[in-house]
C-alpha atoms as a PDB file:
ATOM      1  CA  UNK A   1      45.353  14.784 169.461  1.00  0.00           C
ATOM      2  CA  UNK A   2      47.477  14.855 166.326  1.00  0.00           C
ATOM      3  CA  UNK A   3      46.613  12.755 163.312  1.00  0.00           C
ATOM      4  CA  UNK A   4      48.770  12.590 160.176  1.00  0.00           C
ATOM      5  CA  UNK A   5      48.040  10.578 157.043  1.00  0.00           C
ATOM      6  CA  UNK A   6      50.913   9.804 154.711  1.00  0.00           C
ATOM      7  CA  UNK A   7      49.705   9.210 151.160  1.00  0.00           C
ATOM      8  CA  UNK A   8      50.998   8.746 147.611  1.00  0.00           C
ATOM      9  CA  UNK A   9      49.297  10.718 144.814  1.00  0.00           C
ATOM     10  CA  UNK A  10      47.305   8.343 142.592  1.00  0.00           C
ATOM     11  CA  UNK A  11      47.156   5.579 145.236  1.00  0.00           C
ATOM     12  CA  UNK A  12      43.601   4.138 145.377  1.00  0.00           C
ATOM     13  CA  UNK A  13      44.158   2.807 148.930  1.00  0.00           C
ATOM     14  CA  UNK A  14      45.223   6.281 150.055  1.00  0.00           C
ATOM     15  CA  UNK A  15      42.136   7.830 148.452  1.00  0.00           C
ATOM     16  CA  UNK A  16      39.938   5.264 150.187  1.00  0.00           C
ATOM     17  CA  UNK A  17      41.658   5.973 153.549  1.00  0.00           C
ATOM     18  CA  UNK A  18      41.028   9.685 153.141  1.00  0.00           C
ATOM     19  CA  UNK A  19      37.368   9.099 152.267  1.00  0.00           C
ATOM     20  CA  UNK A  20      36.916   6.907 155.338  1.00  0.00           C
ATOM     21  CA  UNK A  21      38.579   9.444 157.657  1.00  0.00           C
ATOM     22  CA  UNK A  22      36.243  12.126 156.261  1.00  0.00           C
ATOM     23  CA  UNK A  23      33.261   9.792 156.737  1.00  0.00           C
ATOM     24  CA  UNK A  24      34.297   9.149 160.326  1.00  0.00           C
ATOM     25  CA  UNK A  25      34.827  12.861 160.994  1.00  0.00           C
ATOM     26  CA  UNK A  26      38.519  12.495 161.851  1.00  0.00           C
ATOM     27  CA  UNK A  27      40.554  15.653 161.166  1.00  0.00           C
ATOM     28  CA  UNK A  28      44.099  14.956 159.899  1.00  0.00           C
ATOM     29  CA  UNK A  29      47.099  16.473 158.275  1.00  0.00           C
ATOM     30  CA  UNK A  30      47.698  15.057 154.784  1.00  0.00           C
ATOM     31  CA  UNK A  31      51.368  14.472 153.786  1.00  0.00           C
ATOM     32  CA  UNK A  32      52.008  13.486 150.175  1.00  0.00           C
ATOM     33  CA  UNK A  33      55.256  11.457 150.138  1.00  0.00           C
ATOM     34  CA  UNK A  34      56.042  11.249 146.406  1.00  0.00           C
ATOM     35  CA  UNK A  35      56.549  14.985 146.055  1.00  0.00           C
ATOM     36  CA  UNK A  36      58.187  15.561 149.470  1.00  0.00           C
ATOM     37  CA  UNK A  37      61.301  13.547 150.343  1.00  0.00           C
ATOM     38  CA  UNK A  38      61.111  14.656 153.965  1.00  0.00           C
ATOM     39  CA  UNK A  39      57.578  13.315 154.349  1.00  0.00           C
ATOM     40  CA  UNK A  40      58.688  10.043 152.676  1.00  0.00           C
ATOM     41  CA  UNK A  41      61.582   9.751 155.141  1.00  0.00           C
ATOM     42  CA  UNK A  42      59.207  10.399 158.097  1.00  0.00           C
ATOM     43  CA  UNK A  43      56.794   7.758 156.818  1.00  0.00           C
ATOM     44  CA  UNK A  44      59.562   5.151 156.468  1.00  0.00           C
ATOM     45  CA  UNK A  45      60.954   6.034 159.877  1.00  0.00           C
ATOM     46  CA  UNK A  46      57.673   5.619 161.743  1.00  0.00           C
ATOM     47  CA  UNK A  47      56.345   2.597 159.791  1.00  0.00           C
ATOM     48  CA  UNK A  48      59.484   0.772 158.684  1.00  0.00           C
ATOM     49  CA  UNK A  49      58.228   0.529 155.130  1.00  0.00           C
ATOM     50  CA  UNK A  50      57.692   2.512 151.946  1.00  0.00           C
ATOM     51  CA  UNK A  51      54.046   1.547 151.304  1.00  0.00           C
ATOM     52  CA  UNK A  52      51.211   3.987 151.819  1.00  0.00           C
ATOM     53  CA  UNK A  53      48.852   4.830 153.353  1.00  0.00           C
ATOM     54  CA  UNK A  54      50.369   5.207 156.828  1.00  0.00           C
ATOM     55  CA  UNK A  55      48.340   6.772 159.651  1.00  0.00           C
ATOM     56  CA  UNK A  56      49.946   8.312 162.726  1.00  0.00           C
ATOM     57  CA  UNK A  57      47.094   8.629 165.187  1.00  0.00           C
ATOM     58  CA  UNK A  58      48.468  10.375 168.270  1.00  0.00           C
ATOM     59  CA  UNK A  59      51.634   8.277 168.116  1.00  0.00           C
ATOM     60  CA  UNK A  60      49.922   5.006 167.250  1.00  0.00           C
ATOM     61  CA  UNK A  61      50.897   3.812 163.772  1.00  0.00           C
ATOM     62  CA  UNK A  62      48.739   1.945 161.241  1.00  0.00           C
ATOM     63  CA  UNK A  63      50.698   1.091 158.120  1.00  0.00           C
ATOM     64  CA  UNK A  64      49.663  -0.146 154.650  1.00  0.00           C
ATOM     65  CA  UNK A  65      46.033  -0.545 155.646  1.00  0.00           C
ATOM     66  CA  UNK A  66      42.588  -0.774 154.115  1.00  0.00           C
ATOM     67  CA  UNK A  67      39.798   1.607 155.098  1.00  0.00           C
ATOM     68  CA  UNK A  68      37.857  -1.178 156.779  1.00  0.00           C
ATOM     69  CA  UNK A  69      40.616  -1.346 159.438  1.00  0.00           C
ATOM     70  CA  UNK A  70      40.225   2.306 160.507  1.00  0.00           C
ATOM     71  CA  UNK A  71      37.186   2.170 162.836  1.00  0.00           C
ATOM     72  CA  UNK A  72      38.656  -0.491 165.132  1.00  0.00           C
ATOM     73  CA  UNK A  73      42.098   1.097 165.082  1.00  0.00           C
ATOM     74  CA  UNK A  74      40.775   4.539 165.949  1.00  0.00           C
ATOM     75  CA  UNK A  75      38.792   3.135 168.918  1.00  0.00           C
ATOM     76  CA  UNK A  76      42.087   1.822 170.329  1.00  0.00           C
END
């Protein structure tokens, strides 16, 4: 299962999302979109927006979310 988290450096919601994923024991690839235009393009393509964080959890997308949304989303 592939999990990718798109984040913006300095974004408190992104930091909270990363903390929650660590707490839940979910491994993921971190992609910082401000410093990498390709990652930003990918994030916009899969989510339809430019806000972060965006989580791609095995092809299921959760965009512009708070950490409290993660447990239910990850359960499917």
